């Protein structure tokens, strides 16, 4: 649940640098590297009136949720809270081990076999 809340509140930006129609660099957390063409166009734009460049940068901004209002009072009623608490308590105590092994059959003798019944009732498929 905490991971879901954390992922829904995270915002990030994906930056991409295109030179013409080709993707040169893409970055999620840092800044993108340029192909060097915009520096040439910046020098040329000082000399000429045209400031057109073949490079462009794109940003995709993904905004997370800004307001979270979670109230634990309305999640469970008192009866449900008591049920969950008693269920967890009994479930945890279900797997407690015993301090010593209790064997109830150690005082009894095993039965005496008179004949081997499994040999008398054998059948064979031919």
Protein backbone atom coordinates (compact mmCIF):
# COMPACT_ATOMS: atom_id res chain seq x y z
CA UNK A 1 0.00 0.00 0.00
CA UNK A 2 2.83 2.38 0.84
CA UNK A 3 4.53 1.61 -2.47
CA UNK A 4 1.32 2.39 -4.35
CA UNK A 5 0.95 5.73 -2.55
CA UNK A 6 4.58 6.60 -3.20
CA UNK A 7 4.35 5.79 -6.93
CA UNK A 8 1.12 7.75 -7.35
CA UNK A 9 2.65 10.92 -5.83
CA UNK A 10 5.95 10.95 -7.76
CA UNK A 11 6.28 13.50 -10.57
CA UNK A 12 8.92 13.30 -13.28
CA UNK A 13 9.86 14.80 -16.64
CA UNK A 14 11.11 13.02 -19.75
CA UNK A 15 13.29 15.25 -21.94
CA UNK A 16 14.21 14.36 -25.53
CA UNK A 17 16.50 16.12 -28.01
CA UNK A 18 15.79 15.66 -31.72
CA UNK A 19 18.11 16.70 -34.52
CA UNK A 20 15.82 16.79 -37.54
CA UNK A 21 13.72 13.63 -37.28
CA UNK A 22 16.33 11.62 -35.38
CA UNK A 23 16.34 11.17 -31.59
CA UNK A 24 19.77 12.15 -30.31
CA UNK A 25 19.35 11.88 -26.54
CA UNK A 26 16.62 11.13 -24.01
CA UNK A 27 16.73 11.59 -20.25
CA UNK A 28 14.38 11.06 -17.33
CA UNK A 29 16.21 12.61 -14.38
CA UNK A 30 18.94 14.77 -15.94
CA UNK A 31 19.29 17.22 -18.78
CA UNK A 32 19.68 16.00 -22.36
CA UNK A 33 22.90 16.39 -24.31
CA UNK A 34 22.84 18.47 -27.44
CA UNK A 35 24.08 17.30 -30.83
CA UNK A 36 26.06 20.53 -31.29
CA UNK A 37 23.96 21.81 -34.16
CA UNK A 38 22.17 24.45 -32.06
CA UNK A 39 25.53 26.09 -31.23
CA UNK A 40 26.23 26.49 -34.93
CA UNK A 41 22.75 27.92 -35.49
CA UNK A 42 23.17 30.33 -32.56
CA UNK A 43 26.34 31.75 -34.20
CA UNK A 44 24.62 31.90 -37.59
CA UNK A 45 21.54 33.65 -36.16
CA UNK A 46 23.72 36.56 -35.01
CA UNK A 47 24.94 37.05 -38.54
CA UNK A 48 21.61 36.56 -40.33
CA UNK A 49 18.01 37.42 -39.56
CA UNK A 50 16.90 33.80 -39.86
CA UNK A 51 17.02 31.98 -36.53
CA UNK A 52 15.69 28.64 -37.78
CA UNK A 53 17.26 25.47 -36.44
CA UNK A 54 16.79 21.83 -37.27
CA UNK A 55 17.02 20.79 -33.60
CA UNK A 56 14.22 20.81 -31.07
CA UNK A 57 13.74 19.71 -27.48
CA UNK A 58 10.60 18.01 -26.21
CA UNK A 59 9.48 17.63 -22.62
CA UNK A 60 6.86 15.19 -21.37
CA UNK A 61 5.79 16.13 -17.84
CA UNK A 62 4.01 13.50 -15.75
CA UNK A 63 2.48 15.02 -12.63
CA UNK A 64 1.75 12.94 -9.58
CA UNK A 65 -1.07 13.36 -7.14
CA UNK A 66 -0.54 16.40 -4.91
CA UNK A 67 -3.23 15.99 -2.27
CA UNK A 68 -3.62 12.85 -0.21
CA UNK A 69 -6.25 12.61 2.45
CA UNK A 70 -6.39 9.18 4.01
CA UNK A 71 -8.40 8.73 7.15
CA UNK A 72 -8.00 5.48 9.04
CA UNK A 73 -11.10 6.18 11.12
CA UNK A 74 -13.50 5.40 8.28
CA UNK A 75 -11.79 2.25 7.04
CA UNK A 76 -12.99 -0.21 9.72
CA UNK A 77 -15.80 -0.15 12.22
CA UNK A 78 -15.14 -1.10 15.86
CA UNK A 79 -16.46 -4.63 15.32
CA UNK A 80 -14.23 -5.12 12.30
CA UNK A 81 -11.19 -3.81 14.20
CA UNK A 82 -11.84 -6.28 17.03
CA UNK A 83 -12.25 -9.13 14.53
CA UNK A 84 -8.99 -8.27 12.71
CA UNK A 85 -7.05 -7.94 15.96
CA UNK A 86 -8.34 -11.27 17.33
CA UNK A 87 -7.74 -13.02 13.98
CA UNK A 88 -4.13 -11.82 13.85
CA UNK A 89 -3.53 -12.78 17.48
CA UNK A 90 -4.87 -16.32 17.01
CA UNK A 91 -3.09 -16.77 13.67
CA UNK A 92 0.28 -15.81 15.15
CA UNK A 93 -0.20 -18.13 18.12
CA UNK A 94 -1.21 -20.97 15.78
CA UNK A 95 2.38 -21.55 14.75
CA UNK A 96 4.05 -21.53 18.15
CA UNK A 97 6.11 -24.65 18.73
CA UNK A 98 6.10 -26.91 21.77
CA UNK A 99 9.08 -26.94 24.10
CA UNK A 100 9.44 -30.73 23.96
CA UNK A 101 8.18 -33.39 21.60
CA UNK A 102 5.10 -35.16 22.93
CA UNK A 103 4.67 -38.73 21.71
CA UNK A 104 1.56 -40.55 22.83
CA UNK A 105 2.44 -43.86 21.18
CA UNK A 106 5.72 -44.66 22.94
CA UNK A 107 4.00 -46.65 25.73
CA UNK A 108 2.16 -48.97 23.32
CA UNK A 109 3.55 -52.09 21.65
CA UNK A 110 3.11 -52.66 17.95
CA UNK A 111 0.65 -55.35 16.80
CA UNK A 112 1.95 -58.86 16.12
CA UNK A 113 1.54 -60.04 12.54
CA UNK A 114 0.34 -63.62 12.20
CA UNK A 115 0.56 -63.90 8.45
CA UNK A 116 1.40 -61.61 5.61
CA UNK A 117 -2.01 -60.60 4.26
CA UNK A 118 -0.64 -58.58 1.37
CA UNK A 119 0.92 -61.75 -0.10
CA UNK A 120 -2.37 -63.68 0.13
CA UNK A 121 -4.31 -61.02 -1.75
CA UNK A 122 -1.83 -60.37 -4.55
CA UNK A 123 -3.12 -60.30 -8.12
CA UNK A 124 -1.05 -60.20 -11.29
CA UNK A 125 -1.93 -58.92 -14.72
CA UNK A 126 -0.67 -61.06 -17.57
